[in-house]
Amino acid sequence: MVIVCPACQARYRINPSASKATVAKVKCPGCEHVFNISLLEEDIIQQESFMSGKPVVLVVDDARFFREMIKDILKDLPIEIVLVADGNEAWQQITALVPQLVLLDLNIPGKNGKEILQFMQKSPHLEQVKVLAMSGVERGDETAAEVRRIGADDFISKSFKPIELQDRVRNILGL
């Protein structure tokens, strides 16, 4: 399996079958940056498909229907989509994949969306990751201002129209 250091973009080959762990902590020999990489078979397949050069978009929402709906809305964009259901899994994938964009529900189990934003702010290697925060509960200008203050690039209410979500993702990723 080929891995890419999120800090310096150096590529290295590792053997994921050499470990029984599901996540490996890797120290880049070039820049000494430490990052996590998933060793689960389905994640390895996803990680290898990301070598295509398409931007990676991580969709974080505890409602399976909503994750699938977002995937369907964004399917025609030139992006790779990864779906996760809770904050702990989201943090694992953010640090392992370093996606270009995270569509982040604020009200999720595990680490909530605001906690994830705060963790991302404390992680210099994640500063290039864009975040579009979402909520069906918290809405309005106050919520938008608060999540922008703690690191989100944009905020959208879950009552969005499909074209609005597509436009926001295009604008954030520069597509």
Protein backbone atom coordinates (compact mmCIF):
# COMPACT_ATOMS: atom_id res chain seq x y z
CA MET A 1 0.00 0.00 0.00
CA VAL A 2 1.26 3.48 -0.85
CA ILE A 3 0.70 6.23 1.71
CA VAL A 4 1.21 9.96 1.31
CA CYS A 5 2.45 12.22 4.08
CA PRO A 6 -0.18 14.97 4.50
CA ALA A 7 2.50 17.49 5.48
CA CYS A 8 5.15 17.11 2.77
CA GLN A 9 3.32 14.91 0.20
CA ALA A 10 6.16 12.32 0.24
CA ARG A 11 5.02 8.83 -0.79
CA TYR A 12 5.97 5.64 0.99
CA ARG A 13 5.06 1.98 0.65
CA ILE A 14 3.92 0.03 3.72
CA ASN A 15 2.63 -3.48 4.24
CA PRO A 16 -0.74 -3.21 6.06
CA SER A 17 -0.96 -6.98 6.60
CA ALA A 18 2.12 -6.81 8.85
CA SER A 19 -0.08 -5.47 11.67
CA LYS A 20 -3.33 -6.60 13.28
CA ALA A 21 -4.14 -3.00 14.28
CA THR A 22 -6.88 -1.07 12.48
CA VAL A 23 -4.98 2.25 12.59
CA ALA A 24 -1.24 2.80 12.32
CA LYS A 25 0.65 5.81 13.59
CA VAL A 26 3.19 6.74 10.92
CA LYS A 27 6.19 9.05 11.23
CA CYS A 28 7.30 10.45 7.88
CA PRO A 29 11.03 9.77 7.41
CA GLY A 30 11.32 12.95 5.35
CA CYS A 31 9.70 15.67 7.45
CA GLU A 32 9.09 13.66 10.67
CA HIS A 33 5.39 14.55 10.64
CA VAL A 34 3.33 12.01 12.62
CA PHE A 35 -0.08 11.00 11.27
CA ASN A 36 -2.58 8.13 11.46
CA ILE A 37 -3.46 5.84 8.59
CA SER A 38 -6.34 3.36 8.53
CA LEU A 39 -5.42 -0.28 7.95
CA LEU A 40 -8.99 -1.52 7.47
CA GLU A 41 -9.37 -3.23 4.10
CA GLU A 42 -12.24 -0.99 2.93
CA ASP A 43 -10.30 2.14 3.91
CA ILE A 44 -7.19 0.92 2.06
CA ILE A 45 -9.28 0.54 -1.10
CA GLN A 46 -10.64 4.08 -0.61
CA GLN A 47 -7.18 5.52 0.11
CA GLU A 48 -5.75 3.93 -3.03
CA SER A 49 -8.61 5.30 -5.12
CA PHE A 50 -7.76 8.79 -3.87
CA MET A 51 -4.47 8.61 -5.71
CA SER A 52 -6.58 9.61 -8.74
CA GLY A 53 -6.04 13.25 -7.89
CA LYS A 54 -9.72 14.06 -7.30
CA PRO A 55 -10.49 16.12 -4.19
CA VAL A 56 -11.60 13.98 -1.25
CA VAL A 57 -14.82 15.05 0.49
CA LEU A 58 -15.63 13.50 3.86
CA VAL A 59 -19.36 13.56 4.70
CA VAL A 60 -20.02 13.32 8.44
CA ASP A 61 -23.62 12.78 9.54
CA ASP A 62 -25.24 10.31 11.93
CA ALA A 63 -28.33 9.93 9.70
CA ARG A 64 -27.62 7.30 7.04
CA PHE A 65 -30.39 8.68 4.83
CA PHE A 66 -28.82 12.15 4.91
CA ARG A 67 -25.31 10.81 4.13
CA GLU A 68 -26.69 8.90 1.14
CA MET A 69 -28.71 11.93 0.00
CA ILE A 70 -25.60 14.14 0.08
CA LYS A 71 -23.64 11.50 -1.82
CA ASP A 72 -26.37 11.42 -4.46
CA ILE A 73 -26.49 15.23 -4.73
CA LEU A 74 -22.70 15.45 -5.17
CA LYS A 75 -22.20 12.35 -7.37
CA ASP A 76 -21.72 14.33 -10.60
CA LEU A 77 -18.92 16.50 -9.18
CA PRO A 78 -15.31 15.43 -9.86
CA ILE A 79 -14.70 14.37 -6.24
CA GLU A 80 -14.16 11.23 -4.16
CA ILE A 81 -16.76 10.91 -1.38
CA VAL A 82 -16.22 9.13 1.94
CA LEU A 83 -19.14 8.69 4.36
CA VAL A 84 -18.88 8.40 8.16
CA ALA A 85 -21.52 8.32 10.88
CA ASP A 86 -20.01 9.75 14.07
CA GLY A 87 -17.44 12.15 15.41
CA ASN A 88 -14.90 9.55 16.50
CA GLU A 89 -14.89 7.90 13.07
CA ALA A 90 -14.78 11.36 11.48
CA TRP A 91 -11.68 12.34 13.44
CA GLN A 92 -9.98 9.06 12.51
CA GLN A 93 -10.70 9.62 8.80
CA ILE A 94 -9.76 13.32 8.87
CA THR A 95 -6.34 12.51 10.32
CA ALA A 96 -5.82 9.42 8.13
CA LEU A 97 -7.04 10.81 4.79
CA VAL A 98 -6.59 14.58 5.23
CA PRO A 99 -9.52 15.33 2.90
CA GLN A 100 -9.80 18.59 0.99
CA LEU A 101 -13.31 19.18 2.38
CA VAL A 102 -15.34 17.94 5.34
CA LEU A 103 -19.14 18.31 5.28
CA LEU A 104 -19.63 18.25 9.04
CA ASP A 105 -22.91 17.87 10.89
CA LEU A 106 -22.64 19.74 14.19
CA ASN A 107 -24.88 17.34 16.14
CA ILE A 108 -23.29 13.90 15.89
CA PRO A 109 -22.47 11.21 18.47
CA GLY A 110 -18.94 10.89 19.80
CA LYS A 111 -16.97 14.06 19.25
CA ASN A 112 -19.51 16.63 18.12
CA GLY A 113 -18.92 18.88 15.13
CA LYS A 114 -17.73 21.85 17.18
CA GLU A 115 -15.23 19.67 19.05
CA ILE A 116 -13.89 18.36 15.74
CA LEU A 117 -13.46 21.93 14.49
CA GLN A 118 -11.52 22.80 17.64
CA PHE A 119 -9.29 19.70 17.30
CA MET A 120 -8.62 20.63 13.67
CA GLN A 121 -7.57 24.14 14.69
CA LYS A 122 -4.96 22.60 17.02
CA SER A 123 -3.54 20.36 14.25
CA PRO A 124 -1.25 22.32 11.91
CA HIS A 125 -1.18 19.55 9.27
CA LEU A 126 -4.97 19.95 8.89
CA GLU A 127 -4.98 23.70 8.25
CA GLN A 128 -5.57 23.19 4.52
CA VAL A 129 -8.71 21.08 5.14
CA LYS A 130 -11.86 23.08 4.38
CA VAL A 131 -15.03 22.57 6.44
CA LEU A 132 -18.64 23.16 5.47
CA ALA A 133 -20.55 22.86 8.76
CA MET A 134 -24.19 21.74 8.65
CA SER A 135 -27.06 21.54 11.09
CA GLY A 136 -30.75 20.79 11.05
CA VAL A 137 -31.14 21.96 14.64
CA GLU A 138 -28.83 24.94 15.00
CA ARG A 139 -29.62 27.50 12.33
CA GLY A 140 -29.21 31.16 11.65
CA ASP A 141 -26.57 33.82 11.62
CA GLU A 142 -25.42 33.20 15.21
CA THR A 143 -24.56 29.57 14.53
CA ALA A 144 -22.90 30.45 11.22
CA ALA A 145 -20.76 33.11 12.92
CA GLU A 146 -19.83 30.79 15.79
CA VAL A 147 -18.68 27.89 13.59
CA ARG A 148 -16.73 30.24 11.34
CA ARG A 149 -15.01 31.64 14.41
CA ILE A 150 -13.90 28.15 15.50
CA GLY A 151 -12.67 27.14 12.06
CA ALA A 152 -15.45 26.31 9.58
CA ASP A 153 -15.12 27.87 6.14
CA ASP A 154 -18.88 28.01 5.65
CA PHE A 155 -22.19 26.95 7.20
CA ILE A 156 -25.35 25.58 5.60
CA SER A 157 -28.70 24.67 7.13
CA LYS A 158 -29.80 21.10 6.37
CA SER A 159 -32.89 22.50 4.67
CA PHE A 160 -30.70 23.39 1.67
CA LYS A 161 -31.67 22.91 -1.97
CA PRO A 162 -29.47 20.42 -3.86
CA ILE A 163 -28.08 23.10 -6.21
CA GLU A 164 -27.14 25.22 -3.19
CA LEU A 165 -25.05 22.39 -1.71
CA GLN A 166 -23.41 21.68 -5.07
CA ASP A 167 -22.56 25.39 -5.48
CA ARG A 168 -21.09 25.63 -1.97
CA VAL A 169 -18.90 22.55 -2.52
CA ARG A 170 -17.78 23.82 -5.95
CA ASN A 171 -16.89 27.24 -4.50
CA ILE A 172 -15.01 25.87 -1.51
CA LEU A 173 -13.01 23.43 -3.66
CA GLY A 174 -12.55 25.84 -6.58
CA LEU A 175 -14.18 23.47 -9.09
